[in-house]
N, C-alpha and C. Protein backbone atom coordinates (compact mmCIF):
# COMPACT_ATOMS: atom_id res chain seq x y z
N MET A 1 208.21 -361.31 -75.74
CA MET A 1 209.30 -360.92 -76.37
C MET A 1 209.27 -360.24 -77.96
N HIS A 2 209.20 -358.87 -77.97
CA HIS A 2 208.54 -357.98 -79.12
C HIS A 2 209.81 -358.22 -79.68
N ARG A 3 209.57 -357.93 -81.21
CA ARG A 3 210.38 -357.85 -82.12
C ARG A 3 211.36 -356.57 -82.10
N GLN A 4 212.10 -356.48 -82.60
CA GLN A 4 213.30 -354.95 -82.91
C GLN A 4 212.58 -354.21 -83.92
N ARG A 5 211.87 -353.27 -84.32
CA ARG A 5 211.34 -352.24 -85.36
C ARG A 5 212.58 -352.31 -85.83
N THR A 6 212.76 -352.01 -87.35
CA THR A 6 213.14 -351.76 -88.17
C THR A 6 212.73 -350.19 -88.85
N SER A 7 211.40 -349.99 -88.57
CA SER A 7 211.49 -348.42 -89.32
C SER A 7 210.75 -347.63 -88.27
N LYS A 8 210.82 -346.40 -88.94
CA LYS A 8 210.59 -345.42 -87.70
C LYS A 8 208.69 -345.28 -87.75
N HIS A 9 208.24 -345.71 -88.11
CA HIS A 9 206.73 -346.55 -88.22
C HIS A 9 206.19 -347.37 -87.94
N ILE A 10 205.53 -347.06 -86.64
CA ILE A 10 204.79 -347.85 -86.00
C ILE A 10 203.72 -348.81 -87.31
N ARG A 11 203.92 -349.53 -86.99
CA ARG A 11 202.83 -350.79 -88.29
C ARG A 11 201.76 -351.15 -87.21
N THR A 12 200.37 -351.07 -88.04
CA THR A 12 199.09 -350.85 -87.27
C THR A 12 198.44 -351.63 -87.57
N LEU A 13 197.99 -352.39 -86.88
CA LEU A 13 196.56 -353.32 -87.70
C LEU A 13 195.33 -353.13 -86.39
N MET A 14 194.15 -352.53 -87.11
CA MET A 14 192.91 -351.96 -86.55
C MET A 14 192.18 -353.24 -86.69
N VAL A 15 191.46 -353.52 -85.36
CA VAL A 15 190.48 -354.59 -85.43
C VAL A 15 189.13 -354.21 -84.40
N ASP A 16 187.95 -353.79 -85.07
CA ASP A 16 186.72 -353.98 -84.40
C ASP A 16 185.40 -354.06 -85.41
N ASP A 17 184.19 -354.47 -85.07
CA ASP A 17 183.54 -355.65 -85.99
C ASP A 17 182.54 -354.39 -86.75
N HIS A 18 183.05 -353.30 -86.44
CA HIS A 18 182.13 -351.86 -86.94
C HIS A 18 183.21 -350.84 -88.05
N ALA A 19 182.54 -351.59 -89.37
CA ALA A 19 183.76 -350.36 -90.80
C ALA A 19 183.78 -349.03 -90.28
N THR A 20 182.55 -348.44 -89.60
CA THR A 20 182.82 -346.74 -89.85
C THR A 20 183.48 -346.54 -88.86
N PHE A 21 183.60 -347.03 -87.27
CA PHE A 21 184.04 -346.64 -86.14
C PHE A 21 186.17 -346.69 -86.93
N LEU A 22 186.12 -348.38 -87.32
CA LEU A 22 187.31 -348.39 -87.72
C LEU A 22 187.38 -347.35 -89.07
N ASP A 23 186.46 -346.67 -89.88
CA ASP A 23 187.43 -345.50 -90.71
C ASP A 23 187.71 -344.15 -89.77
N GLU A 24 186.42 -344.25 -88.42
CA GLU A 24 187.35 -342.78 -87.42
C GLU A 24 188.14 -343.24 -87.07
N LEU A 25 188.75 -344.06 -86.53
CA LEU A 25 190.35 -344.73 -85.85
C LEU A 25 191.46 -344.05 -86.97
N GLU A 26 190.86 -344.59 -88.57
CA GLU A 26 192.42 -344.81 -89.17
C GLU A 26 192.36 -343.40 -89.47
N CYS A 27 191.23 -342.30 -89.38
CA CYS A 27 191.10 -341.28 -89.56
C CYS A 27 192.15 -340.24 -88.46
N LEU A 28 191.49 -340.89 -87.09
CA LEU A 28 192.71 -340.38 -85.96
C LEU A 28 194.29 -340.99 -86.27
N LEU A 29 194.33 -341.66 -86.34
CA LEU A 29 195.65 -342.04 -86.95
C LEU A 29 196.43 -341.30 -87.96
N ALA A 30 195.47 -341.24 -88.87
CA ALA A 30 196.18 -340.33 -90.18
C ALA A 30 197.01 -338.94 -89.54
N GLU A 31 196.00 -338.42 -88.64
CA GLU A 31 196.47 -336.99 -87.82
C GLU A 31 198.61 -337.10 -87.58
N ASP A 32 198.98 -338.18 -87.35
CA ASP A 32 200.43 -338.83 -86.54
C ASP A 32 201.06 -339.41 -87.60
N ARG A 33 202.19 -338.58 -87.95
CA ARG A 33 202.59 -339.10 -89.35
C ARG A 33 203.73 -340.23 -88.88
N GLU A 34 203.75 -340.51 -87.55
CA GLU A 34 204.85 -342.26 -87.75
C GLU A 34 203.16 -343.32 -87.26
N MET A 35 202.58 -342.91 -87.14
CA MET A 35 201.69 -344.30 -87.72
C MET A 35 201.45 -344.62 -88.93
N ASP A 36 201.22 -346.23 -89.06
CA ASP A 36 201.02 -346.60 -90.51
C ASP A 36 200.47 -347.68 -90.47
N VAL A 37 198.66 -347.36 -90.82
CA VAL A 37 198.17 -348.21 -90.74
C VAL A 37 198.20 -349.39 -92.05
N VAL A 38 198.73 -351.07 -91.35
CA VAL A 38 199.01 -351.43 -92.34
C VAL A 38 197.73 -353.12 -92.92
N GLY A 39 196.81 -351.80 -91.97
CA GLY A 39 195.47 -353.31 -92.07
C GLY A 39 194.50 -353.21 -91.49
N ARG A 40 193.31 -354.39 -91.58
CA ARG A 40 192.15 -354.02 -90.96
C ARG A 40 191.71 -355.33 -90.53
N ALA A 41 190.99 -355.67 -89.56
CA ALA A 41 190.03 -356.77 -89.03
C ALA A 41 188.90 -356.75 -88.68
N ALA A 42 187.91 -357.98 -88.73
CA ALA A 42 186.71 -357.61 -88.21
C ALA A 42 186.34 -358.69 -87.10
N SER A 43 186.94 -359.37 -86.84
CA SER A 43 187.06 -360.03 -86.08
C SER A 43 188.00 -360.88 -84.97
N GLY A 44 188.16 -361.66 -84.13
CA GLY A 44 189.37 -361.80 -83.28
C GLY A 44 190.20 -362.99 -84.45
N GLU A 45 189.35 -364.22 -85.24
CA GLU A 45 189.89 -365.17 -85.76
C GLU A 45 191.00 -364.09 -86.73
N GLU A 46 190.04 -363.41 -87.61
CA GLU A 46 191.00 -362.75 -88.40
C GLU A 46 191.68 -361.67 -88.05
N ALA A 47 192.10 -361.36 -86.71
CA ALA A 47 193.06 -360.52 -86.42
C ALA A 47 194.47 -361.33 -86.19
N LEU A 48 193.60 -362.38 -85.89
CA LEU A 48 195.31 -363.32 -86.06
C LEU A 48 195.82 -363.54 -86.99
N GLU A 49 194.88 -364.16 -88.17
CA GLU A 49 194.88 -364.18 -89.17
C GLU A 49 195.74 -363.30 -90.07
N ARG A 50 195.92 -362.13 -89.73
CA ARG A 50 195.76 -360.70 -90.51
C ARG A 50 197.84 -360.38 -89.35
N SER A 51 197.56 -360.73 -88.28
CA SER A 51 199.01 -360.48 -87.67
C SER A 51 200.05 -361.31 -88.12
N ARG A 52 199.36 -362.24 -88.38
CA ARG A 52 200.63 -363.70 -88.53
C ARG A 52 200.97 -362.67 -90.47
N MET A 53 200.05 -362.25 -91.04
CA MET A 53 200.11 -362.27 -92.28
C MET A 53 201.07 -360.61 -92.35
N LEU A 54 200.67 -360.06 -91.72
CA LEU A 54 201.33 -358.33 -91.65
C LEU A 54 202.25 -357.99 -91.00
N ARG A 55 202.52 -359.12 -89.76
CA ARG A 55 203.50 -358.46 -88.68
C ARG A 55 203.88 -357.17 -88.42
N PRO A 56 202.20 -356.68 -87.90
CA PRO A 56 202.55 -355.61 -87.59
C PRO A 56 203.00 -355.05 -86.02
N ASP A 57 203.38 -354.22 -85.51
CA ASP A 57 204.35 -353.64 -84.64
C ASP A 57 202.89 -353.73 -83.35
N LEU A 58 201.55 -353.21 -83.71
CA LEU A 58 200.95 -352.62 -82.75
C LEU A 58 199.56 -353.45 -83.55
N VAL A 59 198.87 -353.74 -82.19
CA VAL A 59 197.13 -354.10 -82.98
C VAL A 59 195.95 -353.25 -81.85
N LEU A 60 195.76 -352.55 -82.65
CA LEU A 60 194.16 -351.58 -81.94
C LEU A 60 192.63 -352.95 -81.57
N MET A 61 193.10 -353.55 -80.84
CA MET A 61 191.75 -354.53 -80.87
C MET A 61 191.01 -354.16 -79.95
N ASP A 62 189.54 -354.63 -80.49
CA ASP A 62 188.07 -354.09 -80.02
C ASP A 62 187.94 -355.82 -78.83
N LEU A 63 187.39 -354.61 -77.94
CA LEU A 63 187.29 -355.93 -76.33
C LEU A 63 186.31 -356.47 -76.70
N ALA A 64 184.71 -356.31 -77.71
CA ALA A 64 183.81 -357.31 -77.33
C ALA A 64 183.65 -357.31 -79.18
N MET A 65 183.11 -358.83 -79.81
CA MET A 65 183.38 -358.67 -81.34
C MET A 65 182.80 -360.10 -80.82
N PRO A 66 180.99 -360.48 -82.23
CA PRO A 66 180.98 -361.23 -82.38
C PRO A 66 181.89 -362.99 -82.88
N GLY A 67 181.79 -364.10 -82.32
CA GLY A 67 182.71 -365.01 -82.41
C GLY A 67 184.17 -365.27 -81.36
N MET A 68 185.38 -364.87 -81.63
CA MET A 68 186.12 -364.22 -80.79
C MET A 68 186.44 -363.33 -80.65
N GLY A 69 186.37 -363.07 -79.38
CA GLY A 69 186.73 -361.52 -78.76
C GLY A 69 188.14 -360.82 -78.87
N GLY A 70 187.92 -359.87 -78.16
CA GLY A 70 189.27 -359.79 -78.35
C GLY A 70 190.15 -359.91 -77.23
N LEU A 71 189.92 -360.55 -75.99
CA LEU A 71 190.04 -361.19 -75.29
C LEU A 71 190.59 -362.26 -75.25
N GLU A 72 190.47 -362.92 -75.84
CA GLU A 72 190.59 -364.30 -76.66
C GLU A 72 191.96 -364.20 -77.33
N ALA A 73 191.56 -362.83 -78.48
CA ALA A 73 192.66 -362.57 -79.39
C ALA A 73 193.90 -362.42 -79.09
N THR A 74 193.40 -361.56 -78.01
CA THR A 74 194.80 -361.44 -77.47
C THR A 74 195.57 -362.58 -77.18
N ARG A 75 194.77 -362.69 -75.96
CA ARG A 75 195.99 -364.47 -75.31
C ARG A 75 196.48 -365.00 -76.58
N ARG A 76 195.65 -365.28 -77.78
CA ARG A 76 196.14 -366.30 -78.57
C ARG A 76 197.46 -365.58 -79.17
N LEU A 77 197.46 -364.13 -79.34
CA LEU A 77 198.13 -363.33 -80.48
C LEU A 77 199.94 -363.49 -79.49
N LYS A 78 199.57 -363.24 -77.85
CA LYS A 78 200.64 -362.82 -76.90
C LYS A 78 201.18 -364.30 -76.82
N ALA A 79 200.24 -365.32 -76.71
CA ALA A 79 200.67 -366.72 -77.04
C ALA A 79 202.31 -367.11 -78.04
N GLU A 80 201.79 -366.15 -78.72
CA GLU A 80 202.91 -366.81 -80.59
C GLU A 80 204.49 -365.65 -79.85
N THR A 81 205.20 -365.89 -80.70
CA THR A 81 206.99 -364.95 -80.49
C THR A 81 206.55 -364.36 -81.47
N GLY A 82 207.21 -363.15 -81.17
CA GLY A 82 207.47 -362.44 -82.31
C GLY A 82 205.66 -361.01 -81.97
N THR A 83 205.41 -361.20 -81.07
CA THR A 83 204.21 -360.98 -80.61
C THR A 83 204.21 -359.44 -81.21
N PRO A 84 202.88 -358.78 -81.61
CA PRO A 84 202.98 -356.86 -81.61
C PRO A 84 202.21 -356.64 -80.51
N ARG A 85 202.50 -355.02 -80.08
CA ARG A 85 202.04 -355.04 -78.74
C ARG A 85 200.34 -354.66 -79.54
N VAL A 86 199.67 -354.68 -78.12
CA VAL A 86 198.12 -354.80 -78.03
C VAL A 86 197.72 -353.36 -77.15
N ILE A 87 196.84 -352.94 -77.79
CA ILE A 87 196.10 -352.05 -76.98
C ILE A 87 194.87 -352.40 -77.38
N MET A 88 194.06 -352.27 -76.14
CA MET A 88 192.74 -353.05 -76.01
C MET A 88 191.26 -351.81 -75.98
N LEU A 89 190.03 -351.55 -76.84
CA LEU A 89 190.06 -350.35 -77.11
C LEU A 89 188.29 -351.14 -76.54
N SER A 90 188.00 -350.20 -75.98
CA SER A 90 186.43 -350.81 -75.24
C SER A 90 185.25 -349.54 -75.23
N LEU A 91 183.75 -349.82 -75.34
CA LEU A 91 182.92 -349.39 -74.96
C LEU A 91 182.96 -348.94 -73.38
N HIS A 92 183.33 -350.20 -72.73
CA HIS A 92 182.92 -350.50 -71.20
C HIS A 92 183.88 -349.37 -70.74
N GLU A 93 183.51 -348.46 -70.12
CA GLU A 93 184.78 -348.06 -68.85
C GLU A 93 185.24 -348.73 -67.35
N HIS A 94 184.12 -349.49 -67.14
CA HIS A 94 184.65 -350.28 -65.78
C HIS A 94 185.95 -350.57 -65.63
N PRO A 95 186.97 -350.55 -64.75
CA PRO A 95 188.00 -351.53 -64.32
C PRO A 95 188.18 -352.58 -64.41
N VAL A 96 186.82 -353.68 -63.72
CA VAL A 96 187.21 -354.76 -64.53
C VAL A 96 187.22 -355.42 -65.78
N TYR A 97 186.62 -354.39 -66.73
CA TYR A 97 187.44 -354.49 -68.38
C TYR A 97 188.62 -354.23 -68.61
N ARG A 98 189.40 -353.32 -67.96
CA ARG A 98 190.70 -352.72 -67.90
C ARG A 98 191.15 -354.00 -67.49
N MET A 99 190.96 -354.39 -66.24
CA MET A 99 191.81 -355.21 -65.37
C MET A 99 191.75 -357.04 -66.81
N ALA A 100 190.64 -357.01 -67.19
CA ALA A 100 190.45 -358.44 -68.08
C ALA A 100 191.34 -358.17 -68.93
N ALA A 101 191.74 -356.84 -69.86
CA ALA A 101 192.39 -356.92 -70.87
C ALA A 101 193.69 -357.49 -70.67
N LEU A 102 194.28 -356.27 -69.39
CA LEU A 102 195.97 -356.44 -69.19
C LEU A 102 195.75 -357.90 -68.64
N ASP A 103 194.95 -358.81 -68.19
CA ASP A 103 195.13 -360.21 -67.85
C ASP A 103 195.78 -360.69 -69.41
N ALA A 104 195.03 -360.95 -69.91
CA ALA A 104 194.57 -361.30 -71.12
C ALA A 104 196.13 -361.49 -72.07
N GLY A 105 196.88 -360.36 -71.49
CA GLY A 105 198.33 -359.81 -72.06
C GLY A 105 198.44 -358.58 -72.99
N ALA A 106 197.11 -357.53 -72.77
CA ALA A 106 197.56 -356.00 -73.55
C ALA A 106 198.06 -356.10 -72.97
N ASP A 107 198.93 -354.56 -73.76
CA ASP A 107 199.68 -353.27 -73.40
C ASP A 107 199.16 -352.04 -72.77
N GLY A 108 198.00 -352.08 -73.14
CA GLY A 108 197.33 -351.05 -72.65
C GLY A 108 195.75 -351.18 -73.18
N PHE A 109 194.89 -350.54 -72.32
CA PHE A 109 193.82 -350.09 -72.48
C PHE A 109 192.75 -349.09 -72.82
N ILE A 110 191.58 -348.53 -73.38
CA ILE A 110 190.88 -347.19 -73.72
C ILE A 110 189.61 -347.57 -73.71
N PRO A 111 189.47 -347.09 -72.90
CA PRO A 111 187.79 -346.20 -73.49
C PRO A 111 187.53 -345.69 -74.44
N LYS A 112 186.57 -346.27 -75.45
CA LYS A 112 186.59 -345.58 -76.83
C LYS A 112 186.33 -344.34 -76.43
N SER A 113 185.28 -343.88 -75.53
CA SER A 113 185.28 -342.24 -75.20
C SER A 113 186.05 -341.34 -74.72
N LYS A 114 187.59 -342.12 -74.41
CA LYS A 114 188.27 -341.65 -74.35
C LYS A 114 189.57 -341.51 -75.31
N LEU A 115 189.03 -342.07 -76.14
CA LEU A 115 190.08 -341.90 -77.65
C LEU A 115 191.16 -341.26 -78.00
N GLY A 116 190.26 -340.31 -78.25
CA GLY A 116 191.01 -338.88 -79.38
C GLY A 116 192.04 -338.26 -78.29
N ALA A 117 191.83 -338.20 -77.11
CA ALA A 117 192.47 -337.65 -76.02
C ALA A 117 193.92 -338.93 -75.27
N THR A 118 193.34 -339.88 -75.64
CA THR A 118 194.91 -340.86 -74.91
C THR A 118 195.30 -341.81 -76.35
N LEU A 119 194.67 -341.74 -77.37
CA LEU A 119 195.21 -343.06 -77.66
C LEU A 119 197.06 -342.69 -78.34
N LEU A 120 196.81 -341.93 -79.00
CA LEU A 120 198.12 -341.46 -79.77
C LEU A 120 199.63 -341.00 -78.31
N PRO A 121 199.45 -340.94 -77.39
CA PRO A 121 200.05 -340.95 -76.48
C PRO A 121 200.33 -341.72 -75.56
N THR A 122 199.24 -342.81 -75.06
CA THR A 122 199.55 -344.29 -75.15
C THR A 122 200.49 -345.08 -76.00
N VAL A 123 199.79 -344.59 -77.49
CA VAL A 123 201.38 -345.35 -78.14
C VAL A 123 202.09 -345.07 -77.76
N HIS A 124 202.40 -344.00 -78.37
CA HIS A 124 204.08 -343.70 -78.54
C HIS A 124 204.67 -343.59 -76.96
N SER A 125 204.16 -343.97 -76.00
CA SER A 125 204.31 -344.21 -74.24
C SER A 125 204.54 -346.02 -74.79
N LEU A 126 204.57 -346.67 -75.70
CA LEU A 126 204.73 -347.98 -75.96
C LEU A 126 205.82 -347.79 -77.19
N PHE A 127 205.83 -346.81 -77.74
CA PHE A 127 207.08 -346.98 -79.00
C PHE A 127 207.74 -345.73 -78.50
N PRO A 128 208.42 -345.40 -77.63
CA PRO A 128 209.32 -344.05 -77.55
C PRO A 128 210.39 -344.08 -78.10
N ALA A 129 211.41 -345.26 -79.00
CA ALA A 129 211.84 -344.93 -80.40
C ALA A 129 211.12 -343.89 -81.61
N ALA A 130 209.90 -344.09 -82.15
CA ALA A 130 209.13 -343.45 -82.79
C ALA A 130 209.18 -341.89 -82.46
N THR A 131 209.01 -342.00 -81.31
CA THR A 131 208.69 -340.40 -80.90
C THR A 131 209.77 -339.15 -80.95
N GLU A 132 210.97 -340.53 -80.11
CA GLU A 132 212.28 -339.48 -80.60
C GLU A 132 212.97 -339.56 -82.00
N SER A 133 212.71 -340.56 -82.93
CA SER A 133 213.12 -340.52 -84.36
C SER A 133 212.34 -338.95 -85.15
N ALA A 134 211.08 -338.90 -84.59
CA ALA A 134 210.10 -337.78 -84.99
C ALA A 134 210.60 -336.30 -84.96
N VAL A 135 211.26 -336.31 -82.83
CA VAL A 135 212.25 -335.18 -83.22
C VAL A 135 212.85 -334.54 -83.68
N SER A 136 214.07 -335.77 -84.37
CA SER A 136 215.11 -335.69 -84.43
C SER A 136 215.00 -334.97 -85.77
């Protein structure tokens, strides 16, 4: 079950073990006034901790990270109540990775090579109320 959002902004936690990628992702998200980055994490373990503390609406989760990877972190996040939506990001484009992400409970999967073109439309398809409020 997903929490009801109380604001128009999509509170987002970014998770990736590469700080440079997180910087670039934050710049991309800053282009959309409905996106609000509330935190960053560099591992699956840190993602779980930050998610419990920050209670984001959305987690952008890297699939492959040292320690607990994105698949296991997503499984654990989705086992909790009031979980955020999760979009899995990966350097790998093969359909097997998409299936693994969806099987882990991710709400979407985006290859990093297609991030610029598909991330914001995918986010807004998961949060239509944010898009509607932006238009009103």
